[in-house]
Amino acid sequence: MRRISPFVIRPATPADIEPVAKLSRFVRRTCLPYLPDLHTPAEDLAYFRDLVFPGSTVWVVEGVGIEGFCAWRPGWVDHLYIHPDHHGRGLGTAMLSQAMDGQPSLRLWVFQRNVHAARFYASRGFRVVEYTDGHGNEEREPDTLMEWLRGGP
């Protein structure tokens, strides 16, 4: 557990599943309005409960509530979301650092239109591996595969 006042960064617990699912939906709708809304809130909850939490390491940023989260597994960052009211406070960097700790490399996908996220990752050492037309994601939105290697390329 670490602190970035007034926030606490800690491992997620089962009690965090619902707030994480809600935050994911909120951030996607607020910051990525061009993405289609493909799932109901109940489907989002089932996804995090049945797939993300059992199959990933999940850490949360806690303030008044859950203000951010990161889910990763060996070699991959699958989710990194910070409430838009708290962008620019170092929370995303702290969460990404948790995922990078002890990993020799990490990959992640970022939507090409999400230029802020792509810049964020690039400034933390991720490089572009591949651009796609979106055929491999359910949103059918062009995306970019990025990779970070401990010690650089």
C-alpha atoms as a PDB file:
ATOM      1  CA  MET A   1       0.000   0.000   0.000  1.00  0.00           C
ATOM      2  CA  ARG A   2       1.219   3.523  -0.769  1.00  0.00           C
ATOM      3  CA  ARG A   3      -0.132   7.003  -0.411  1.00  0.00           C
ATOM      4  CA  ILE A   4      -0.364   9.906  -2.802  1.00  0.00           C
ATOM      5  CA  SER A   5      -2.164  12.298  -0.515  1.00  0.00           C
ATOM      6  CA  PRO A   6      -5.135  12.142  -0.128  1.00  0.00           C
ATOM      7  CA  PHE A   7      -5.249   8.829  -2.019  1.00  0.00           C
ATOM      8  CA  VAL A   8      -4.278   5.303  -1.016  1.00  0.00           C
ATOM      9  CA  ILE A   9      -3.054   2.827  -3.608  1.00  0.00           C
ATOM     10  CA  ARG A  10      -3.733  -0.742  -2.530  1.00  0.00           C
ATOM     11  CA  PRO A  11      -4.503  -4.243  -3.784  1.00  0.00           C
ATOM     12  CA  ALA A  12      -8.146  -4.620  -4.752  1.00  0.00           C
ATOM     13  CA  THR A  13     -10.528  -6.793  -2.747  1.00  0.00           C
ATOM     14  CA  PRO A  14     -13.757  -8.485  -3.843  1.00  0.00           C
ATOM     15  CA  ALA A  15     -15.636  -5.511  -2.374  1.00  0.00           C
ATOM     16  CA  ASP A  16     -14.024  -3.346  -5.076  1.00  0.00           C
ATOM     17  CA  ILE A  17     -15.455  -5.277  -8.036  1.00  0.00           C
ATOM     18  CA  GLU A  18     -18.660  -3.263  -8.372  1.00  0.00           C
ATOM     19  CA  PRO A  19     -17.025   0.179  -7.941  1.00  0.00           C
ATOM     20  CA  VAL A  20     -14.301  -0.798 -10.441  1.00  0.00           C
ATOM     21  CA  ALA A  21     -16.907  -1.897 -12.998  1.00  0.00           C
ATOM     22  CA  LYS A  22     -18.808   1.363 -12.516  1.00  0.00           C
ATOM     23  CA  LEU A  23     -15.634   3.443 -12.816  1.00  0.00           C
ATOM     24  CA  SER A  24     -14.631   1.644 -16.005  1.00  0.00           C
ATOM     25  CA  ARG A  25     -18.014   2.412 -17.565  1.00  0.00           C
ATOM     26  CA  PHE A  26     -17.897   6.052 -16.410  1.00  0.00           C
ATOM     27  CA  VAL A  27     -14.365   6.702 -17.705  1.00  0.00           C
ATOM     28  CA  ARG A  28     -15.084   5.047 -21.050  1.00  0.00           C
ATOM     29  CA  ARG A  29     -18.271   7.095 -21.525  1.00  0.00           C
ATOM     30  CA  THR A  30     -16.646  10.332 -20.363  1.00  0.00           C
ATOM     31  CA  CYS A  31     -13.163  10.119 -21.892  1.00  0.00           C
ATOM     32  CA  LEU A  32     -13.804   7.797 -24.853  1.00  0.00           C
ATOM     33  CA  PRO A  33     -17.254   8.879 -26.087  1.00  0.00           C
ATOM     34  CA  TYR A  34     -16.522   7.593 -29.603  1.00  0.00           C
ATOM     35  CA  LEU A  35     -16.557   3.978 -28.376  1.00  0.00           C
ATOM     36  CA  PRO A  36     -19.815   2.079 -28.856  1.00  0.00           C
ATOM     37  CA  ASP A  37     -21.670   1.118 -25.685  1.00  0.00           C
ATOM     38  CA  LEU A  38     -21.639  -2.642 -26.260  1.00  0.00           C
ATOM     39  CA  HIS A  39     -22.478  -3.920 -22.780  1.00  0.00           C
ATOM     40  CA  THR A  40     -24.967  -3.268 -20.021  1.00  0.00           C
ATOM     41  CA  PRO A  41     -23.815  -2.329 -16.512  1.00  0.00           C
ATOM     42  CA  ALA A  42     -24.715  -5.878 -15.422  1.00  0.00           C
ATOM     43  CA  GLU A  43     -22.492  -7.318 -18.161  1.00  0.00           C
ATOM     44  CA  ASP A  44     -19.661  -4.993 -17.095  1.00  0.00           C
ATOM     45  CA  LEU A  45     -20.019  -6.243 -13.522  1.00  0.00           C
ATOM     46  CA  ALA A  46     -19.974  -9.890 -14.645  1.00  0.00           C
ATOM     47  CA  TYR A  47     -16.881  -9.242 -16.768  1.00  0.00           C
ATOM     48  CA  PHE A  48     -14.921  -7.799 -13.853  1.00  0.00           C
ATOM     49  CA  ARG A  49     -16.246 -10.358 -11.359  1.00  0.00           C
ATOM     50  CA  ASP A  50     -15.780 -13.450 -13.532  1.00  0.00           C
ATOM     51  CA  LEU A  51     -12.769 -12.585 -15.714  1.00  0.00           C
ATOM     52  CA  VAL A  52     -10.715  -9.577 -14.647  1.00  0.00           C
ATOM     53  CA  PHE A  53     -10.498 -10.064 -10.882  1.00  0.00           C
ATOM     54  CA  PRO A  54      -9.854 -13.828 -10.968  1.00  0.00           C
ATOM     55  CA  GLY A  55      -7.367 -13.621 -13.863  1.00  0.00           C
ATOM     56  CA  SER A  56      -5.405 -10.475 -13.060  1.00  0.00           C
ATOM     57  CA  THR A  57      -3.623  -8.580 -10.356  1.00  0.00           C
ATOM     58  CA  VAL A  58      -5.836  -5.580  -9.635  1.00  0.00           C
ATOM     59  CA  TRP A  59      -4.857  -2.526  -7.623  1.00  0.00           C
ATOM     60  CA  VAL A  60      -7.087   0.452  -6.864  1.00  0.00           C
ATOM     61  CA  VAL A  61      -6.705   4.117  -6.051  1.00  0.00           C
ATOM     62  CA  GLU A  62      -8.958   4.922  -3.139  1.00  0.00           C
ATOM     63  CA  GLY A  63     -10.028   8.407  -2.191  1.00  0.00           C
ATOM     64  CA  VAL A  64     -13.625   9.182  -1.331  1.00  0.00           C
ATOM     65  CA  GLY A  65     -14.356   6.015  -3.297  1.00  0.00           C
ATOM     66  CA  ILE A  66     -12.512   4.047  -5.944  1.00  0.00           C
ATOM     67  CA  GLU A  67     -10.897   6.756  -8.078  1.00  0.00           C
ATOM     68  CA  GLY A  68      -8.787   4.527 -10.325  1.00  0.00           C
ATOM     69  CA  PHE A  69      -7.604   1.001 -10.976  1.00  0.00           C
ATOM     70  CA  CYS A  70      -5.080  -1.031 -12.904  1.00  0.00           C
ATOM     71  CA  ALA A  71      -5.414  -4.704 -13.869  1.00  0.00           C
ATOM     72  CA  TRP A  72      -2.434  -6.628 -15.192  1.00  0.00           C
ATOM     73  CA  ARG A  73      -1.133 -10.131 -15.705  1.00  0.00           C
ATOM     74  CA  PRO A  74       2.335 -11.356 -16.651  1.00  0.00           C
ATOM     75  CA  GLY A  75       3.417  -9.386 -19.706  1.00  0.00           C
ATOM     76  CA  TRP A  76       0.195  -7.388 -20.140  1.00  0.00           C
ATOM     77  CA  VAL A  77      -1.600  -4.344 -18.771  1.00  0.00           C
ATOM     78  CA  ASP A  78      -5.266  -4.948 -19.520  1.00  0.00           C
ATOM     79  CA  HIS A  79      -6.885  -1.938 -17.830  1.00  0.00           C
ATOM     80  CA  LEU A  80      -5.724   1.389 -16.437  1.00  0.00           C
ATOM     81  CA  TYR A  81      -8.459   3.877 -15.636  1.00  0.00           C
ATOM     82  CA  ILE A  82      -8.320   6.996 -13.486  1.00  0.00           C
ATOM     83  CA  HIS A  83     -11.384   9.140 -12.787  1.00  0.00           C
ATOM     84  CA  PRO A  84     -11.081  12.223 -15.052  1.00  0.00           C
ATOM     85  CA  ASP A  85     -11.318  14.558 -12.041  1.00  0.00           C
ATOM     86  CA  HIS A  86      -7.968  13.148 -10.905  1.00  0.00           C
ATOM     87  CA  HIS A  87      -6.000  13.089 -14.160  1.00  0.00           C
ATOM     88  CA  GLY A  88      -2.584  14.722 -13.927  1.00  0.00           C
ATOM     89  CA  ARG A  89      -2.008  13.948 -10.242  1.00  0.00           C
ATOM     90  CA  GLY A  90       0.428  11.070 -10.693  1.00  0.00           C
ATOM     91  CA  LEU A  91      -2.117   8.358  -9.993  1.00  0.00           C
ATOM     92  CA  GLY A  92      -1.836   6.722 -13.407  1.00  0.00           C
ATOM     93  CA  THR A  93       1.944   6.738 -13.143  1.00  0.00           C
ATOM     94  CA  ALA A  94       1.774   5.157  -9.693  1.00  0.00           C
ATOM     95  CA  MET A  95      -0.622   2.480 -10.907  1.00  0.00           C
ATOM     96  CA  LEU A  96       1.477   1.723 -13.987  1.00  0.00           C
ATOM     97  CA  SER A  97       4.577   1.488 -11.783  1.00  0.00           C
ATOM     98  CA  GLN A  98       2.825  -1.222  -9.757  1.00  0.00           C
ATOM     99  CA  ALA A  99       2.250  -3.208 -12.939  1.00  0.00           C
ATOM    100  CA  MET A 100       5.847  -2.678 -14.137  1.00  0.00           C
ATOM    101  CA  ASP A 101       7.399  -3.758 -10.843  1.00  0.00           C
ATOM    102  CA  GLY A 102       9.089  -7.108 -11.313  1.00  0.00           C
ATOM    103  CA  GLN A 103       8.071  -7.477 -14.962  1.00  0.00           C
ATOM    104  CA  PRO A 104      10.729  -7.814 -17.681  1.00  0.00           C
ATOM    105  CA  SER A 105       8.305  -6.383 -20.244  1.00  0.00           C
ATOM    106  CA  LEU A 106       4.707  -5.287 -20.624  1.00  0.00           C
ATOM    107  CA  ARG A 107       2.393  -4.879 -23.570  1.00  0.00           C
ATOM    108  CA  LEU A 108      -0.919  -3.065 -23.821  1.00  0.00           C
ATOM    109  CA  TRP A 109      -3.450  -1.937 -26.374  1.00  0.00           C
ATOM    110  CA  VAL A 110      -4.543   1.685 -26.672  1.00  0.00           C
ATOM    111  CA  PHE A 111      -7.148   3.084 -29.051  1.00  0.00           C
ATOM    112  CA  GLN A 112      -5.525   5.312 -31.671  1.00  0.00           C
ATOM    113  CA  ARG A 113      -7.981   8.114 -30.962  1.00  0.00           C
ATOM    114  CA  ASN A 114      -6.972   8.018 -27.288  1.00  0.00           C
ATOM    115  CA  VAL A 115      -3.973  10.266 -27.955  1.00  0.00           C
ATOM    116  CA  HIS A 116      -3.644  11.303 -24.295  1.00  0.00           C
ATOM    117  CA  ALA A 117      -3.218   7.687 -23.200  1.00  0.00           C
ATOM    118  CA  ALA A 118      -0.787   6.926 -26.035  1.00  0.00           C
ATOM    119  CA  ARG A 119       1.333   9.941 -25.021  1.00  0.00           C
ATOM    120  CA  PHE A 120       1.129   8.891 -21.361  1.00  0.00           C
ATOM    121  CA  TYR A 121       2.463   5.414 -22.155  1.00  0.00           C
ATOM    122  CA  ALA A 122       5.115   6.694 -24.576  1.00  0.00           C
ATOM    123  CA  SER A 123       6.425   9.103 -21.935  1.00  0.00           C
ATOM    124  CA  ARG A 124       6.844   6.129 -19.590  1.00  0.00           C
ATOM    125  CA  GLY A 125       8.934   4.129 -22.016  1.00  0.00           C
ATOM    126  CA  PHE A 126       6.362   2.260 -24.092  1.00  0.00           C
ATOM    127  CA  ARG A 127       6.998   2.108 -27.825  1.00  0.00           C
ATOM    128  CA  VAL A 128       4.649   1.333 -30.695  1.00  0.00           C
ATOM    129  CA  VAL A 129       4.822  -2.257 -31.919  1.00  0.00           C
ATOM    130  CA  GLU A 130       1.844  -2.352 -34.264  1.00  0.00           C
ATOM    131  CA  TYR A 131      -1.089  -0.305 -35.531  1.00  0.00           C
ATOM    132  CA  THR A 132      -4.314  -2.102 -36.432  1.00  0.00           C
ATOM    133  CA  ASP A 133      -7.570  -1.178 -38.115  1.00  0.00           C
ATOM    134  CA  GLY A 134      -9.552  -2.427 -35.098  1.00  0.00           C
ATOM    135  CA  HIS A 135     -10.501  -5.798 -36.586  1.00  0.00           C
ATOM    136  CA  GLY A 136      -9.254  -7.579 -33.443  1.00  0.00           C
ATOM    137  CA  ASN A 137     -11.234  -5.676 -30.830  1.00  0.00           C
ATOM    138  CA  GLU A 138     -14.941  -5.774 -30.135  1.00  0.00           C
ATOM    139  CA  GLU A 139     -15.307  -2.016 -30.584  1.00  0.00           C
ATOM    140  CA  ARG A 140     -13.887  -2.239 -34.133  1.00  0.00           C
ATOM    141  CA  GLU A 141     -11.865   0.862 -33.295  1.00  0.00           C
ATOM    142  CA  PRO A 142      -8.314   1.267 -34.676  1.00  0.00           C
ATOM    143  CA  ASP A 143      -5.810   0.572 -31.945  1.00  0.00           C
ATOM    144  CA  THR A 144      -2.112   0.434 -31.214  1.00  0.00           C
ATOM    145  CA  LEU A 145      -0.080  -2.293 -29.546  1.00  0.00           C
ATOM    146  CA  MET A 146       2.589  -0.753 -27.298  1.00  0.00           C
ATOM    147  CA  GLU A 147       5.426  -2.431 -25.427  1.00  0.00           C
ATOM    148  CA  TRP A 148       7.713  -1.556 -22.558  1.00  0.00           C
ATOM    149  CA  LEU A 149      11.003  -3.403 -21.980  1.00  0.00           C
ATOM    150  CA  ARG A 150      12.870  -3.134 -18.684  1.00  0.00           C
ATOM    151  CA  GLY A 151      16.134  -1.377 -19.518  1.00  0.00           C
ATOM    152  CA  GLY A 152      14.800  -0.041 -22.819  1.00  0.00           C
ATOM    153  CA  PRO A 153      14.672  -1.445 -26.343  1.00  0.00           C
END
